[in-house]
Amino acid sequence: MTSRETIGAATRRARREADGGPGRPRRRWLRRLAAGVLAAALLVLGVYAWAWASLDRSSIARAMWWREADVGDQYRFPARTIPAGDATRPLPAGVEMDPAPPSGADDDGAFDEFLRGTDTLGFVVVDDDRLVYERYFGGADRQSRQTSFSVAKSFVSTLVGIAIDEGSIGSITDPVTEYLPELAERDPRFERITLRDLLSMSSGLRYEEQSLPLPWGDDVDTYYGTDLRDLALSATQIVRPPGQEWLYNNYNPLLLGLVLERATGTSVSDYMATKLWQPLGAEADATWNLDSEGSGFEKMESGLNATPVDYARFGELFLHGGEWNGARIVSEDWAREATAPDVTTDPAGHYQYFWWVDTERPERFYALGNFGQYIYVAPDAGTVIVRNGRDWGVENDTWLSVFREVADQLVERS
């Protein structure tokens, strides 16, 4: 090879090395990958920084930051206090019962151990108006407020009944547009939807469940929404005639909350304090979570927080047909109509006015919330049972079986 060829080869080799050489393309690819990962990480961090800064303005931000609902949500949302007042009257103690272990329970046979193993936080039994069983777990005690989730709906229903009794609301057959006329301006078919249709979950409004991780959908909007008034008035859509089909729908309690506000001229929490909570002689203040500080509207589909003993008082009210401690709080007709199955007026035999009916024992009924929040009322046994929990622990059918067995044991011992 001539000197000129040698120099030329060396020059070409130097150029190849300057352009990367055999190992450089792989290093360039790694640098590009690292830059892409860093950019993606910065984007994710930016999105979550936006979500954190937007918690009081965006349901999507809340769903991203708070993720799935849990019992700690009562501390995340703002809340309005429902004072107990001065007429507090503790429930008297009765002869304590020793519940038999649930049928088929996989534990050492102790009822307390069954409760502890099912993420129960509080379990209260009232028989003949006396506390006969009261247990707390997981750091909870008698003063701990437990969140209700959809048990709150049964309180909304009762407030509607009280407002009808006192004449603030005309009738259960009133069209919702009598109180919310802007709905008819958007769609005249709203004039056909009555308060009964809303209470019986047969309004004909669209409701599509959509679980996280997708941070949108009716479940996310109605739970995490920061302006639930506007959501109820602008996002509701009619997809079928009212009164024909039962569909669990969180827009219904939102609309009824708006009706209560306009009919009574006060917030739902303040109305509940004077018309229900204080007349019940509640032991402790309750709270009701709000959609946001700016809107200040109660989360009507959930978000009521109270002690298990005070939830039991609410059950006692319906055990006694709307009367408590000699005072009439809601009419007997309402207490009966709200909790008894009647398919002549409503399409579902298992559900009435935001109360569930125990279809195996139709004379019994219960309020039900996510993660196993219950107020179970057994008028035939004179018994009210409250269960609050961090999670379900067991299936809904198992809890109903447990409640039936406990109530039946009290009938047998009396």
Protein backbone atom coordinates (compact mmCIF):
# COMPACT_ATOMS: atom_id res chain seq x y z
CA MET A 1 0.00 0.00 0.00
CA THR A 2 1.38 3.37 -0.97
CA SER A 3 1.84 6.11 1.52
CA ARG A 4 -0.99 8.01 -0.16
CA GLU A 5 -3.32 4.98 0.25
CA THR A 6 -2.25 4.58 3.86
CA ILE A 7 -3.01 8.20 4.61
CA GLY A 8 -6.37 7.88 2.82
CA ALA A 9 -7.35 4.81 4.84
CA ALA A 10 -6.38 6.50 8.07
CA THR A 11 -8.41 9.54 7.12
CA ARG A 12 -11.49 7.46 6.33
CA ARG A 13 -11.13 5.57 9.63
CA ALA A 14 -10.85 8.83 11.53
CA ARG A 15 -13.98 10.11 9.84
CA ARG A 16 -15.91 6.94 10.74
CA GLU A 17 -14.86 7.27 14.36
CA ALA A 18 -15.82 10.93 14.34
CA ASP A 19 -19.21 9.92 12.96
CA GLY A 20 -19.67 7.42 15.75
CA GLY A 21 -17.76 4.32 14.90
CA PRO A 22 -19.16 0.83 15.50
CA GLY A 23 -20.10 1.52 19.17
CA ARG A 24 -21.50 5.02 18.87
CA PRO A 25 -24.95 4.29 17.33
CA ARG A 26 -25.84 2.19 20.41
CA ARG A 27 -24.70 5.00 22.73
CA ARG A 28 -26.74 7.53 20.79
CA TRP A 29 -29.81 5.27 21.08
CA LEU A 30 -29.29 4.97 24.85
CA ARG A 31 -28.96 8.74 25.19
CA ARG A 32 -32.17 9.24 23.22
CA LEU A 33 -33.98 6.64 25.34
CA ALA A 34 -32.81 8.30 28.56
CA ALA A 35 -33.94 11.68 27.26
CA GLY A 36 -37.34 10.22 26.36
CA VAL A 37 -37.74 8.60 29.79
CA LEU A 38 -36.77 11.86 31.47
CA ALA A 39 -39.26 13.82 29.35
CA ALA A 40 -42.03 11.31 30.15
CA ALA A 41 -41.19 11.48 33.85
CA LEU A 42 -41.27 15.27 33.78
CA LEU A 43 -44.62 15.15 31.96
CA VAL A 44 -46.09 12.79 34.57
CA LEU A 45 -44.73 14.93 37.39
CA GLY A 46 -46.18 18.00 35.71
CA VAL A 47 -49.59 16.37 35.32
CA TYR A 48 -49.65 15.34 39.00
CA ALA A 49 -48.43 18.76 40.06
CA TRP A 50 -51.38 20.22 38.13
CA ALA A 51 -53.70 17.69 39.78
CA TRP A 52 -52.46 18.59 43.26
CA ALA A 53 -52.93 22.30 42.55
CA SER A 54 -56.42 21.70 41.09
CA LEU A 55 -58.00 19.55 43.82
CA ASP A 56 -60.66 22.16 44.57
CA ARG A 57 -61.41 22.82 40.90
CA SER A 58 -61.32 19.54 38.97
CA SER A 59 -62.93 16.12 39.44
CA ILE A 60 -60.27 14.63 37.14
CA ALA A 61 -57.53 16.05 39.37
CA ARG A 62 -59.16 14.56 42.46
CA ALA A 63 -59.58 11.16 40.82
CA MET A 64 -55.93 11.18 39.77
CA TRP A 65 -54.57 12.32 43.15
CA TRP A 66 -56.99 10.62 45.56
CA ARG A 67 -57.63 7.59 43.32
CA GLU A 68 -60.21 5.06 44.56
CA ALA A 69 -62.66 6.16 47.24
CA ASP A 70 -61.94 5.07 50.80
CA VAL A 71 -63.11 5.86 54.31
CA GLY A 72 -60.45 8.55 54.63
CA ASP A 73 -62.31 10.71 52.12
CA GLN A 74 -64.21 12.38 54.94
CA TYR A 75 -60.93 14.16 55.75
CA ARG A 76 -60.10 15.07 52.14
CA PHE A 77 -63.28 16.87 51.18
CA PRO A 78 -64.31 20.08 52.94
CA ALA A 79 -67.25 19.59 55.29
CA ARG A 80 -70.09 21.41 57.04
CA THR A 81 -70.87 20.64 60.68
CA ILE A 82 -74.30 19.39 61.76
CA PRO A 83 -74.42 20.27 65.48
CA ALA A 84 -76.01 17.87 67.93
CA GLY A 85 -77.52 20.63 70.05
CA ASP A 86 -78.32 20.66 73.75
CA ALA A 87 -80.88 17.83 73.89
CA THR A 88 -78.32 15.03 73.79
CA ARG A 89 -79.70 11.88 75.33
CA PRO A 90 -77.40 8.82 75.43
CA LEU A 91 -78.94 5.51 74.49
CA PRO A 92 -79.47 3.47 77.66
CA ALA A 93 -77.59 0.20 78.08
CA GLY A 94 -79.43 -3.09 78.08
CA VAL A 95 -78.45 -6.63 78.92
CA GLU A 96 -75.44 -7.33 76.72
CA MET A 97 -75.86 -10.04 74.14
CA ASP A 98 -73.20 -12.53 73.07
CA PRO A 99 -73.88 -13.05 69.37
CA ALA A 100 -73.35 -16.53 68.03
CA PRO A 101 -70.65 -16.78 65.37
CA PRO A 102 -72.00 -16.33 61.84
CA SER A 103 -72.93 -19.48 59.99
CA GLY A 104 -69.91 -20.81 58.13
CA ALA A 105 -67.49 -18.24 59.57
CA ASP A 106 -63.85 -19.29 59.17
CA ASP A 107 -62.48 -18.27 62.55
CA ASP A 108 -62.19 -19.56 66.09
CA GLY A 109 -65.91 -19.11 66.69
CA ALA A 110 -65.84 -15.69 68.37
CA PHE A 111 -68.13 -13.06 66.92
CA ASP A 112 -65.67 -10.32 67.85
CA GLU A 113 -62.96 -12.11 65.88
CA PHE A 114 -65.24 -12.33 62.86
CA LEU A 115 -65.76 -8.56 63.03
CA ARG A 116 -62.07 -7.86 63.49
CA GLY A 117 -61.21 -10.08 60.54
CA THR A 118 -63.64 -8.32 58.20
CA ASP A 119 -62.19 -4.79 58.49
CA THR A 120 -65.05 -3.71 60.73
CA LEU A 121 -64.57 -0.39 62.54
CA GLY A 122 -67.80 -0.27 64.54
CA PHE A 123 -70.65 -2.69 65.20
CA VAL A 124 -73.65 -1.61 67.29
CA VAL A 125 -76.84 -3.48 68.17
CA VAL A 126 -79.87 -1.78 69.74
CA ASP A 127 -82.69 -3.97 71.04
CA ASP A 128 -85.82 -2.65 72.68
CA ASP A 129 -84.25 0.85 72.48
CA ARG A 130 -81.23 -0.24 74.51
CA LEU A 131 -77.62 -0.81 73.51
CA VAL A 132 -76.95 -4.53 73.88
CA TYR A 133 -73.76 -4.86 71.85
CA GLU A 134 -71.10 -2.25 71.00
CA ARG A 135 -67.65 -2.99 69.64
CA TYR A 136 -64.96 -0.92 67.90
CA PHE A 137 -61.85 -2.02 66.05
CA GLY A 138 -58.96 -0.68 64.04
CA GLY A 139 -58.33 2.30 66.33
CA ALA A 140 -61.98 3.49 66.28
CA ASP A 141 -63.99 4.24 69.41
CA ARG A 142 -67.45 5.50 70.31
CA GLN A 143 -66.57 9.10 69.46
CA SER A 144 -65.11 8.27 66.04
CA ARG A 145 -67.18 9.57 63.17
CA GLN A 146 -67.55 6.97 60.44
CA THR A 147 -68.32 7.95 56.89
CA SER A 148 -71.58 6.79 55.38
CA PHE A 149 -71.05 6.59 51.63
CA SER A 150 -74.53 5.87 50.21
CA VAL A 151 -76.16 5.49 53.63
CA ALA A 152 -76.41 9.28 53.23
CA LYS A 153 -79.11 8.73 50.60
CA SER A 154 -81.51 7.39 53.25
CA PHE A 155 -81.03 10.63 55.18
CA VAL A 156 -81.76 12.64 52.01
CA SER A 157 -84.97 10.68 51.55
CA THR A 158 -86.01 11.39 55.15
CA LEU A 159 -85.35 15.12 54.75
CA VAL A 160 -87.60 15.12 51.68
CA GLY A 161 -90.31 13.42 53.76
CA ILE A 162 -89.95 16.01 56.52
CA ALA A 163 -90.12 18.86 53.99
CA ILE A 164 -93.34 17.37 52.59
CA ASP A 165 -94.79 16.99 56.10
CA GLU A 166 -94.20 20.66 56.87
CA GLY A 167 -95.38 21.88 53.47
CA SER A 168 -92.08 23.15 52.07
CA ILE A 169 -92.41 20.54 49.34
CA GLY A 170 -95.88 19.97 47.98
CA SER A 171 -95.99 16.27 47.16
CA ILE A 172 -93.92 13.33 46.08
CA THR A 173 -95.75 13.46 42.78
CA ASP A 174 -94.53 17.00 42.05
CA PRO A 175 -92.42 17.24 38.89
CA VAL A 176 -88.81 18.07 39.63
CA THR A 177 -89.15 21.08 37.31
CA GLU A 178 -91.50 22.72 39.81
CA TYR A 179 -88.40 23.36 41.90
CA LEU A 180 -85.72 23.30 39.18
CA PRO A 181 -87.38 24.97 36.17
CA GLU A 182 -84.10 25.36 34.28
CA LEU A 183 -84.16 21.61 33.63
CA ALA A 184 -87.29 22.03 31.50
CA GLU A 185 -85.68 24.87 29.61
CA ARG A 186 -82.90 22.48 28.60
CA ASP A 187 -85.20 19.50 27.90
CA PRO A 188 -89.02 19.68 28.28
CA ARG A 189 -89.11 15.95 29.07
CA PHE A 190 -87.84 16.73 32.57
CA GLU A 191 -91.39 17.86 33.36
CA ARG A 192 -92.39 14.19 33.39
CA ILE A 193 -89.90 13.23 36.12
CA THR A 194 -91.40 13.39 39.60
CA LEU A 195 -89.75 13.42 43.00
CA ARG A 196 -90.98 9.83 43.42
CA ASP A 197 -89.09 8.84 40.27
CA LEU A 198 -85.89 10.30 41.71
CA LEU A 199 -86.36 8.65 45.12
CA SER A 200 -87.11 5.24 43.63
CA MET A 201 -84.13 5.32 41.22
CA SER A 202 -86.43 5.18 38.23
CA SER A 203 -85.93 8.67 36.79
CA GLY A 204 -84.87 7.48 33.34
CA LEU A 205 -81.67 9.53 33.52
CA ARG A 206 -78.47 8.23 31.97
CA TYR A 207 -75.92 6.77 34.34
CA GLU A 208 -72.87 4.81 33.20
CA GLU A 209 -70.46 3.39 35.73
CA GLN A 210 -66.81 3.90 34.89
CA SER A 211 -64.14 2.74 37.29
CA LEU A 212 -60.69 4.18 37.77
CA PRO A 213 -57.96 4.34 36.44
CA LEU A 214 -59.90 6.33 33.83
CA PRO A 215 -60.51 9.60 35.72
CA TRP A 216 -63.89 10.42 34.19
CA GLY A 217 -67.42 9.07 33.89
CA ASP A 218 -70.62 9.46 35.89
CA ASP A 219 -69.25 7.74 39.01
CA VAL A 220 -66.18 9.97 39.05
CA ASP A 221 -68.14 13.13 38.21
CA THR A 222 -70.81 12.66 40.88
CA TYR A 223 -68.32 11.61 43.58
CA TYR A 224 -65.36 13.90 42.89
CA GLY A 225 -67.17 16.81 41.22
CA THR A 226 -66.29 20.29 42.48
CA ASP A 227 -69.60 21.92 41.46
CA LEU A 228 -72.30 19.31 41.87
CA ARG A 229 -75.12 21.82 41.46
CA ASP A 230 -73.97 22.67 37.96
CA LEU A 231 -73.32 19.02 37.20
CA ALA A 232 -76.88 18.02 38.18
CA LEU A 233 -78.45 20.84 36.23
CA SER A 234 -76.33 20.66 33.08
CA ALA A 235 -75.01 17.10 32.71
CA THR A 236 -78.16 15.03 33.34
CA GLN A 237 -79.59 13.40 30.22
CA ILE A 238 -82.87 11.54 29.76
CA VAL A 239 -82.53 8.17 28.03
CA ARG A 240 -85.86 6.48 28.85
CA PRO A 241 -89.32 7.39 30.23
CA PRO A 242 -89.45 7.74 34.04
CA GLY A 243 -91.01 5.14 36.31
CA GLN A 244 -90.27 2.15 34.09
CA GLU A 245 -86.81 0.87 34.96
CA TRP A 246 -84.77 0.79 38.17
CA LEU A 247 -81.21 2.08 37.73
CA TYR A 248 -78.98 3.07 40.63
CA ASN A 249 -78.06 6.63 39.75
CA ASN A 250 -76.16 9.23 41.79
CA TYR A 251 -77.66 12.14 39.85
CA ASN A 252 -81.00 11.48 41.58
CA PRO A 253 -79.89 12.48 45.11
CA LEU A 254 -78.04 15.50 43.70
CA LEU A 255 -81.25 16.78 42.13
CA LEU A 256 -83.17 16.13 45.36
CA GLY A 257 -80.54 18.05 47.31
CA LEU A 258 -81.15 21.02 45.02
CA VAL A 259 -84.89 20.65 45.55
CA LEU A 260 -84.37 20.67 49.32
CA GLU A 261 -82.18 23.78 49.16
CA ARG A 262 -84.68 25.75 47.12
CA ALA A 263 -87.77 24.53 48.95
CA THR A 264 -86.42 25.17 52.45
CA GLY A 265 -84.24 28.20 51.72
CA THR A 266 -81.27 26.79 53.62
CA SER A 267 -78.43 24.33 53.21
CA VAL A 268 -79.18 20.65 53.51
CA SER A 269 -76.88 20.38 56.54
CA ASP A 270 -78.60 23.23 58.40
CA TYR A 271 -82.01 21.80 57.58
CA MET A 272 -80.93 18.39 58.85
CA ALA A 273 -79.54 19.89 62.06
CA THR A 274 -82.81 21.54 63.07
CA LYS A 275 -85.31 19.07 61.64
CA LEU A 276 -83.63 15.72 62.22
CA TRP A 277 -80.31 15.61 64.06
CA GLN A 278 -81.20 17.71 67.08
CA PRO A 279 -84.71 16.24 67.48
CA LEU A 280 -83.08 12.78 67.49
CA GLY A 281 -80.98 13.84 70.48
CA ALA A 282 -77.79 12.84 68.68
CA GLU A 283 -74.81 12.35 71.00
CA ALA A 284 -72.25 13.98 68.72
CA ASP A 285 -71.97 16.49 65.94
CA ALA A 286 -72.14 15.04 62.45
CA THR A 287 -70.51 16.48 59.35
CA TRP A 288 -71.48 16.44 55.70
CA ASN A 289 -68.72 16.66 53.10
CA LEU A 290 -69.04 19.38 50.45
CA ASP A 291 -68.16 19.30 46.78
CA SER A 292 -65.73 22.21 47.27
CA GLU A 293 -65.18 25.31 49.38
CA GLY A 294 -66.29 27.50 46.50
CA SER A 295 -69.54 25.68 45.73
CA GLY A 296 -70.40 24.57 49.27
CA PHE A 297 -72.96 21.95 48.19
CA GLU A 298 -73.32 18.74 50.17
CA LYS A 299 -72.25 15.51 48.50
CA MET A 300 -75.80 14.24 48.48
CA GLU A 301 -74.92 10.80 47.16
CA SER A 302 -72.50 10.19 50.06
CA GLY A 303 -70.35 12.08 52.52
CA LEU A 304 -72.40 12.15 55.72
CA ASN A 305 -70.20 11.33 58.72
CA ALA A 306 -71.49 10.35 62.16
CA THR A 307 -70.83 7.99 65.05
CA PRO A 308 -72.24 4.44 64.85
CA VAL A 309 -74.44 5.07 67.90
CA ASP A 310 -76.01 8.07 66.19
CA TYR A 311 -76.55 6.08 63.00
CA ALA A 312 -78.40 3.64 65.26
CA ARG A 313 -80.62 6.48 66.48
CA PHE A 314 -81.60 7.15 62.88
CA GLY A 315 -82.50 3.50 62.50
CA GLU A 316 -84.54 3.69 65.69
CA LEU A 317 -86.55 6.53 64.18
CA PHE A 318 -87.73 4.20 61.43
CA LEU A 319 -88.12 1.27 63.80
CA HIS A 320 -90.74 3.42 65.55
CA GLY A 321 -92.46 4.64 62.41
CA GLY A 322 -90.97 8.14 62.34
CA GLU A 323 -91.26 8.90 66.07
CA TRP A 324 -88.48 9.08 68.65
CA ASN A 325 -88.60 9.84 72.38
CA GLY A 326 -92.25 10.79 72.09
CA ALA A 327 -91.66 13.35 69.32
CA ARG A 328 -92.93 12.98 65.77
CA ILE A 329 -90.02 13.75 63.40
CA VAL A 330 -91.34 12.38 60.12
CA SER A 331 -94.84 11.14 59.42
CA GLU A 332 -95.73 7.50 59.97
CA ASP A 333 -97.03 7.33 56.40
CA TRP A 334 -93.66 8.45 55.07
CA ALA A 335 -91.69 6.06 57.29
CA ARG A 336 -93.80 3.16 56.03
CA GLU A 337 -93.93 4.21 52.38
CA ALA A 338 -90.19 4.89 52.18
CA THR A 339 -89.17 1.43 53.36
CA ALA A 340 -91.85 -1.05 52.22
CA PRO A 341 -91.76 -2.71 48.78
CA ASP A 342 -94.52 -1.49 46.51
CA VAL A 343 -94.27 -2.39 42.83
CA THR A 344 -97.63 -0.76 42.14
CA THR A 345 -95.93 2.65 42.18
CA ASP A 346 -92.22 1.80 41.75
CA PRO A 347 -90.50 -0.70 39.46
CA ALA A 348 -88.27 -2.48 42.02
CA GLY A 349 -89.36 -4.70 44.87
CA HIS A 350 -85.94 -4.55 46.52
CA TYR A 351 -85.71 -0.76 46.75
CA GLN A 352 -87.97 2.07 47.80
CA TYR A 353 -87.11 5.69 48.68
CA PHE A 354 -83.32 5.39 49.00
CA TRP A 355 -83.83 2.41 51.32
CA TRP A 356 -83.11 -1.22 50.44
CA VAL A 357 -85.60 -3.96 51.28
CA ASP A 358 -84.41 -7.29 52.69
CA THR A 359 -86.15 -9.46 50.12
CA GLU A 360 -85.79 -12.58 52.31
CA ARG A 361 -87.50 -10.71 55.17
CA PRO A 362 -89.58 -8.02 53.39
CA GLU A 363 -90.64 -6.46 56.69
CA ARG A 364 -86.98 -5.56 57.27
CA PHE A 365 -85.03 -2.86 55.46
CA TYR A 366 -81.62 -1.23 55.49
CA ALA A 367 -79.48 1.69 54.40
CA LEU A 368 -76.36 0.61 52.51
CA GLY A 369 -73.07 2.31 51.64
CA ASN A 370 -69.85 1.37 49.90
CA PHE A 371 -67.34 -0.81 51.78
CA GLY A 372 -70.12 -2.24 53.93
CA GLN A 373 -71.72 0.66 55.80
CA TYR A 374 -75.12 -0.51 57.09
CA ILE A 375 -78.10 0.54 59.15
CA TYR A 376 -80.26 -2.59 59.34
CA VAL A 377 -83.76 -2.22 60.80
CA ALA A 378 -85.78 -5.27 61.88
CA PRO A 379 -89.16 -4.03 63.19
CA ASP A 380 -90.37 -7.60 63.82
CA ALA A 381 -87.46 -8.08 66.23
CA GLY A 382 -87.41 -4.54 67.65
CA THR A 383 -83.77 -4.36 66.60
CA VAL A 384 -81.41 -1.94 64.82
CA ILE A 385 -77.92 -3.01 63.76
CA VAL A 386 -75.17 -0.68 62.54
CA ARG A 387 -71.97 -1.84 60.88
CA ASN A 388 -69.22 0.53 59.72
CA GLY A 389 -66.09 -0.78 58.08
CA ARG A 390 -62.88 0.10 56.28
CA ASP A 391 -63.80 -2.50 53.65
CA TRP A 392 -66.52 -5.05 52.99
CA GLY A 393 -64.63 -7.98 54.47
CA VAL A 394 -67.33 -10.34 53.18
CA GLU A 395 -70.02 -10.15 50.51
CA ASN A 396 -73.21 -8.11 50.96
CA ASP A 397 -75.29 -11.30 51.16
CA THR A 398 -73.12 -12.54 54.02
CA TRP A 399 -73.63 -9.33 55.98
CA LEU A 400 -77.39 -9.54 55.50
CA SER A 401 -77.30 -13.10 56.76
CA VAL A 402 -75.30 -11.96 59.82
CA PHE A 403 -77.82 -9.21 60.58
CA ARG A 404 -80.75 -11.62 60.25
CA GLU A 405 -79.10 -14.08 62.62
CA VAL A 406 -78.31 -11.42 65.23
CA ALA A 407 -81.87 -10.06 65.13
CA ASP A 408 -83.32 -13.58 65.35
CA GLN A 409 -81.13 -14.38 68.36
CA LEU A 410 -82.61 -11.38 70.14
CA VAL A 411 -86.14 -12.54 69.37
CA GLU A 412 -85.31 -15.95 70.82
CA ARG A 413 -83.85 -14.57 74.04
CA SER A 414 -86.73 -12.19 74.74
